[in-house]
Amino acid sequence: MADGTEEIWSLRVRNVTQLVEQLIGESLRPPLTKLKELKVETNGELMTMDEFVEKCVEGIITDFDGHGLYANGNDVMRTVVRPSHVVAGKHHKKYTHVMWVEKLS
């Protein structure tokens, strides 16, 4: 591959990797922190996605109360979810939990 083919393939692989990262986005980024650490730092409340959706739809929690961070297993993601996202049906359903963080007064 002395004719430059190797460089071309390397460039194509990088371009494809960048495209995949853009399309998949959040799932390729490392998690923000572990749940135990964040719960202590923020006094956050971990709830299942179903619990979070129910509280948002019923108006028990609103954007004025705070925000959530998507979570799966032991990992909290960097992506914020707001109750208004849920009410509008624009939340990510691939996550199993939400770490709810109350606004400080």
N, C-alpha and C. Protein backbone atom coordinates (compact mmCIF):
# COMPACT_ATOMS: atom_id res chain seq x y z
N MET A 1 0.81 -1.19 0.00
CA MET A 1 0.00 0.00 0.00
C MET A 1 0.85 1.25 0.00
N ALA A 2 1.86 1.23 -0.79
CA ALA A 2 2.76 2.37 -0.87
C ALA A 2 2.17 3.48 -1.74
N ASP A 3 1.03 3.24 -2.36
CA ASP A 3 0.45 4.22 -3.27
C ASP A 3 -0.49 5.21 -2.57
N GLY A 4 -0.52 5.21 -1.23
CA GLY A 4 -1.36 6.15 -0.49
C GLY A 4 -2.70 5.58 -0.08
N THR A 5 -2.96 4.35 -0.45
CA THR A 5 -4.25 3.73 -0.12
C THR A 5 -4.45 3.65 1.39
N GLU A 6 -3.37 3.37 2.10
CA GLU A 6 -3.47 3.25 3.57
C GLU A 6 -3.93 4.57 4.18
N GLU A 7 -3.40 5.69 3.70
CA GLU A 7 -3.81 7.00 4.20
C GLU A 7 -5.26 7.27 3.91
N ILE A 8 -5.71 6.91 2.73
CA ILE A 8 -7.11 7.13 2.35
C ILE A 8 -8.03 6.33 3.25
N TRP A 9 -7.69 5.06 3.50
CA TRP A 9 -8.51 4.22 4.37
C TRP A 9 -8.52 4.76 5.79
N SER A 10 -7.38 5.23 6.26
CA SER A 10 -7.30 5.79 7.60
C SER A 10 -8.22 7.01 7.73
N LEU A 11 -8.22 7.85 6.73
CA LEU A 11 -9.08 9.04 6.71
C LEU A 11 -10.54 8.63 6.69
N ARG A 12 -10.88 7.64 5.89
CA ARG A 12 -12.27 7.17 5.81
C ARG A 12 -12.73 6.60 7.14
N VAL A 13 -11.89 5.85 7.80
CA VAL A 13 -12.24 5.28 9.10
C VAL A 13 -12.50 6.40 10.11
N ARG A 14 -11.63 7.42 10.11
CA ARG A 14 -11.83 8.55 11.02
C ARG A 14 -13.13 9.27 10.71
N ASN A 15 -13.44 9.46 9.44
CA ASN A 15 -14.69 10.13 9.06
C ASN A 15 -15.91 9.32 9.49
N VAL A 16 -15.85 8.02 9.29
CA VAL A 16 -16.96 7.16 9.70
C VAL A 16 -17.11 7.20 11.21
N THR A 17 -16.00 7.14 11.93
CA THR A 17 -16.04 7.19 13.39
C THR A 17 -16.67 8.50 13.87
N GLN A 18 -16.30 9.61 13.26
CA GLN A 18 -16.89 10.90 13.64
C GLN A 18 -18.38 10.92 13.34
N LEU A 19 -18.79 10.38 12.22
CA LEU A 19 -20.20 10.33 11.86
C LEU A 19 -20.98 9.49 12.87
N VAL A 20 -20.46 8.34 13.21
CA VAL A 20 -21.12 7.47 14.18
C VAL A 20 -21.23 8.18 15.53
N GLU A 21 -20.18 8.86 15.95
CA GLU A 21 -20.23 9.59 17.22
C GLU A 21 -21.30 10.66 17.19
N GLN A 22 -21.46 11.35 16.07
CA GLN A 22 -22.50 12.36 15.95
C GLN A 22 -23.88 11.74 15.99
N LEU A 23 -24.04 10.61 15.30
CA LEU A 23 -25.35 9.97 15.25
C LEU A 23 -25.74 9.35 16.59
N ILE A 24 -24.78 8.71 17.23
CA ILE A 24 -25.08 8.03 18.49
C ILE A 24 -24.94 9.00 19.64
N GLY A 25 -24.01 9.90 19.53
CA GLY A 25 -23.83 10.97 20.52
C GLY A 25 -23.55 10.49 21.92
N GLU A 26 -24.51 10.67 22.78
CA GLU A 26 -24.33 10.48 24.22
C GLU A 26 -23.80 9.10 24.60
N SER A 27 -24.23 8.07 23.92
CA SER A 27 -23.86 6.72 24.34
C SER A 27 -22.36 6.46 24.19
N LEU A 28 -21.65 7.24 23.37
CA LEU A 28 -20.22 7.04 23.22
C LEU A 28 -19.42 7.84 24.24
N ARG A 29 -20.05 8.81 24.88
CA ARG A 29 -19.36 9.59 25.89
C ARG A 29 -19.30 8.83 27.19
N PRO A 30 -18.24 9.03 27.96
CA PRO A 30 -18.19 8.35 29.25
C PRO A 30 -19.24 8.93 30.19
N PRO A 31 -19.71 8.14 31.15
CA PRO A 31 -20.70 8.65 32.09
C PRO A 31 -20.11 9.77 32.93
N LEU A 32 -20.99 10.61 33.43
CA LEU A 32 -20.58 11.73 34.27
C LEU A 32 -19.91 11.22 35.55
N THR A 33 -20.55 10.31 36.22
CA THR A 33 -20.03 9.81 37.49
C THR A 33 -20.82 8.57 37.87
N LYS A 34 -20.43 7.96 38.93
CA LYS A 34 -21.15 6.81 39.46
C LYS A 34 -22.31 7.30 40.31
N LEU A 35 -23.40 6.55 40.34
CA LEU A 35 -24.60 6.96 41.06
C LEU A 35 -24.34 7.26 42.53
N LYS A 36 -23.62 6.40 43.21
CA LYS A 36 -23.39 6.60 44.64
C LYS A 36 -22.70 7.94 44.89
N GLU A 37 -21.69 8.27 44.09
CA GLU A 37 -20.95 9.52 44.26
C GLU A 37 -21.86 10.72 44.03
N LEU A 38 -22.67 10.68 42.96
CA LEU A 38 -23.52 11.82 42.64
C LEU A 38 -24.63 11.98 43.67
N LYS A 39 -25.17 10.88 44.16
CA LYS A 39 -26.24 10.97 45.14
C LYS A 39 -25.77 11.68 46.40
N VAL A 40 -24.55 11.41 46.81
CA VAL A 40 -23.99 12.07 47.99
C VAL A 40 -23.70 13.54 47.70
N GLU A 41 -23.12 13.83 46.53
CA GLU A 41 -22.74 15.20 46.17
C GLU A 41 -23.94 16.12 46.00
N THR A 42 -25.03 15.62 45.43
CA THR A 42 -26.15 16.49 45.08
C THR A 42 -27.37 16.30 45.94
N ASN A 43 -27.35 15.29 46.81
CA ASN A 43 -28.53 14.91 47.56
C ASN A 43 -29.66 14.57 46.59
N GLY A 44 -29.28 13.95 45.47
CA GLY A 44 -30.24 13.60 44.44
C GLY A 44 -31.08 12.40 44.81
N GLU A 45 -32.19 12.27 44.11
CA GLU A 45 -33.10 11.14 44.31
C GLU A 45 -33.10 10.30 43.05
N LEU A 46 -32.73 9.05 43.18
CA LEU A 46 -32.73 8.14 42.05
C LEU A 46 -34.12 7.52 41.93
N MET A 47 -34.69 7.60 40.73
CA MET A 47 -35.99 6.98 40.51
C MET A 47 -35.98 6.26 39.16
N THR A 48 -36.85 5.29 39.04
CA THR A 48 -36.95 4.60 37.76
C THR A 48 -37.52 5.56 36.73
N MET A 49 -37.34 5.24 35.47
CA MET A 49 -37.89 6.09 34.42
C MET A 49 -39.40 6.16 34.53
N ASP A 50 -40.04 5.04 34.85
CA ASP A 50 -41.51 5.03 35.00
C ASP A 50 -41.96 5.96 36.12
N GLU A 51 -41.25 5.93 37.26
CA GLU A 51 -41.60 6.83 38.37
C GLU A 51 -41.43 8.28 37.95
N PHE A 52 -40.33 8.57 37.28
CA PHE A 52 -40.05 9.94 36.84
C PHE A 52 -41.14 10.42 35.88
N VAL A 53 -41.48 9.60 34.91
CA VAL A 53 -42.50 9.98 33.92
C VAL A 53 -43.83 10.23 34.62
N GLU A 54 -44.19 9.35 35.53
CA GLU A 54 -45.46 9.51 36.26
C GLU A 54 -45.50 10.83 37.03
N LYS A 55 -44.41 11.14 37.74
CA LYS A 55 -44.36 12.38 38.53
C LYS A 55 -44.42 13.61 37.63
N CYS A 56 -43.79 13.53 36.46
CA CYS A 56 -43.80 14.67 35.53
C CYS A 56 -45.19 14.87 34.94
N VAL A 57 -45.79 13.81 34.48
CA VAL A 57 -47.11 13.89 33.85
C VAL A 57 -48.16 14.37 34.85
N GLU A 58 -48.04 13.93 36.11
CA GLU A 58 -49.01 14.33 37.13
C GLU A 58 -48.73 15.73 37.68
N GLY A 59 -47.60 16.34 37.28
CA GLY A 59 -47.27 17.69 37.73
C GLY A 59 -46.68 17.74 39.12
N ILE A 60 -46.27 16.58 39.64
CA ILE A 60 -45.67 16.54 40.98
C ILE A 60 -44.30 17.21 40.96
N ILE A 61 -43.56 17.04 39.87
CA ILE A 61 -42.30 17.76 39.70
C ILE A 61 -42.36 18.52 38.39
N THR A 62 -41.78 19.71 38.38
CA THR A 62 -41.78 20.58 37.20
C THR A 62 -40.37 21.11 36.95
N ASP A 63 -40.20 21.81 35.85
CA ASP A 63 -38.91 22.41 35.53
C ASP A 63 -38.46 23.39 36.61
N PHE A 64 -39.40 23.99 37.31
CA PHE A 64 -39.06 24.95 38.35
C PHE A 64 -38.49 24.28 39.60
N ASP A 65 -38.73 22.96 39.73
CA ASP A 65 -38.27 22.23 40.90
C ASP A 65 -36.83 21.77 40.79
N GLY A 66 -36.37 21.52 39.56
CA GLY A 66 -35.02 21.01 39.37
C GLY A 66 -34.88 20.37 38.01
N HIS A 67 -33.97 19.41 37.90
CA HIS A 67 -33.76 18.70 36.64
C HIS A 67 -33.29 17.28 36.94
N GLY A 68 -33.35 16.45 35.93
CA GLY A 68 -32.90 15.08 36.07
C GLY A 68 -31.69 14.81 35.20
N LEU A 69 -30.97 13.77 35.54
CA LEU A 69 -29.88 13.28 34.71
C LEU A 69 -30.19 11.82 34.38
N TYR A 70 -30.13 11.49 33.10
CA TYR A 70 -30.39 10.12 32.69
C TYR A 70 -29.39 9.18 33.36
N ALA A 71 -29.84 7.97 33.66
CA ALA A 71 -28.97 6.99 34.30
C ALA A 71 -29.31 5.58 33.80
N ASN A 72 -28.29 4.75 33.78
CA ASN A 72 -28.41 3.32 33.47
C ASN A 72 -27.50 2.57 34.42
N GLY A 73 -27.99 1.54 35.02
CA GLY A 73 -27.15 0.76 35.92
C GLY A 73 -26.55 1.63 37.00
N ASN A 74 -25.22 1.67 37.08
CA ASN A 74 -24.54 2.48 38.07
C ASN A 74 -24.01 3.78 37.50
N ASP A 75 -24.34 4.09 36.27
CA ASP A 75 -23.77 5.26 35.62
C ASP A 75 -24.81 6.35 35.39
N VAL A 76 -24.42 7.58 35.73
CA VAL A 76 -25.25 8.75 35.45
C VAL A 76 -24.66 9.44 34.23
N MET A 77 -25.50 9.75 33.27
CA MET A 77 -25.04 10.38 32.04
C MET A 77 -24.98 11.90 32.18
N ARG A 78 -24.37 12.54 31.20
CA ARG A 78 -24.25 14.00 31.21
C ARG A 78 -25.51 14.69 30.69
N THR A 79 -26.42 13.94 30.16
CA THR A 79 -27.59 14.52 29.51
C THR A 79 -28.68 14.87 30.52
N VAL A 80 -29.12 16.11 30.46
CA VAL A 80 -30.18 16.60 31.36
C VAL A 80 -31.54 16.27 30.76
N VAL A 81 -32.46 15.88 31.62
CA VAL A 81 -33.85 15.69 31.21
C VAL A 81 -34.71 16.55 32.13
N ARG A 82 -35.63 17.28 31.54
CA ARG A 82 -36.52 18.16 32.30
C ARG A 82 -37.94 17.60 32.25
N PRO A 83 -38.72 17.86 33.28
CA PRO A 83 -40.10 17.39 33.27
C PRO A 83 -40.87 17.83 32.02
N SER A 84 -40.58 19.02 31.52
CA SER A 84 -41.29 19.48 30.31
C SER A 84 -40.95 18.61 29.10
N HIS A 85 -39.74 18.03 29.07
CA HIS A 85 -39.39 17.11 27.98
C HIS A 85 -40.30 15.89 28.03
N VAL A 86 -40.52 15.39 29.24
CA VAL A 86 -41.35 14.19 29.41
C VAL A 86 -42.79 14.48 29.02
N VAL A 87 -43.32 15.59 29.49
CA VAL A 87 -44.71 15.94 29.18
C VAL A 87 -44.91 16.08 27.67
N ALA A 88 -43.89 16.60 26.99
CA ALA A 88 -43.95 16.77 25.53
C ALA A 88 -43.62 15.47 24.79
N GLY A 89 -43.25 14.43 25.52
CA GLY A 89 -42.89 13.16 24.89
C GLY A 89 -41.54 13.17 24.20
N LYS A 90 -40.67 14.09 24.60
CA LYS A 90 -39.37 14.26 23.95
C LYS A 90 -38.21 13.78 24.82
N HIS A 91 -38.46 12.81 25.66
CA HIS A 91 -37.38 12.28 26.50
C HIS A 91 -36.87 10.97 25.89
N HIS A 92 -35.64 10.63 26.25
CA HIS A 92 -35.02 9.40 25.76
C HIS A 92 -35.55 8.22 26.58
N LYS A 93 -36.07 7.25 25.88
CA LYS A 93 -36.66 6.09 26.56
C LYS A 93 -35.68 4.94 26.73
N LYS A 94 -34.44 5.14 26.24
CA LYS A 94 -33.46 4.06 26.33
C LYS A 94 -32.81 3.96 27.72
N TYR A 95 -33.03 4.95 28.56
CA TYR A 95 -32.45 4.94 29.90
C TYR A 95 -33.42 4.31 30.89
N THR A 96 -32.90 3.68 31.93
CA THR A 96 -33.74 2.98 32.90
C THR A 96 -34.09 3.82 34.12
N HIS A 97 -33.26 4.81 34.43
CA HIS A 97 -33.45 5.61 35.64
C HIS A 97 -33.17 7.09 35.37
N VAL A 98 -33.56 7.89 36.35
CA VAL A 98 -33.24 9.33 36.34
C VAL A 98 -32.79 9.70 37.73
N MET A 99 -31.69 10.45 37.81
CA MET A 99 -31.24 11.02 39.07
C MET A 99 -31.82 12.42 39.14
N TRP A 100 -32.81 12.63 40.00
CA TRP A 100 -33.48 13.91 40.13
C TRP A 100 -32.68 14.80 41.09
N VAL A 101 -32.42 16.02 40.66
CA VAL A 101 -31.64 16.97 41.46
C VAL A 101 -32.50 18.22 41.69
N GLU A 102 -32.84 18.47 42.93
CA GLU A 102 -33.63 19.64 43.29
C GLU A 102 -32.81 20.91 43.13
N LYS A 103 -33.49 21.98 42.72
CA LYS A 103 -32.83 23.28 42.69
C LYS A 103 -32.57 23.74 44.12
N LEU A 104 -31.44 24.38 44.30
CA LEU A 104 -31.13 24.95 45.61
C LEU A 104 -31.88 26.27 45.78
N SER A 105 -32.42 26.48 46.94
CA SER A 105 -33.19 27.72 47.19
C SER A 105 -32.29 28.88 47.42
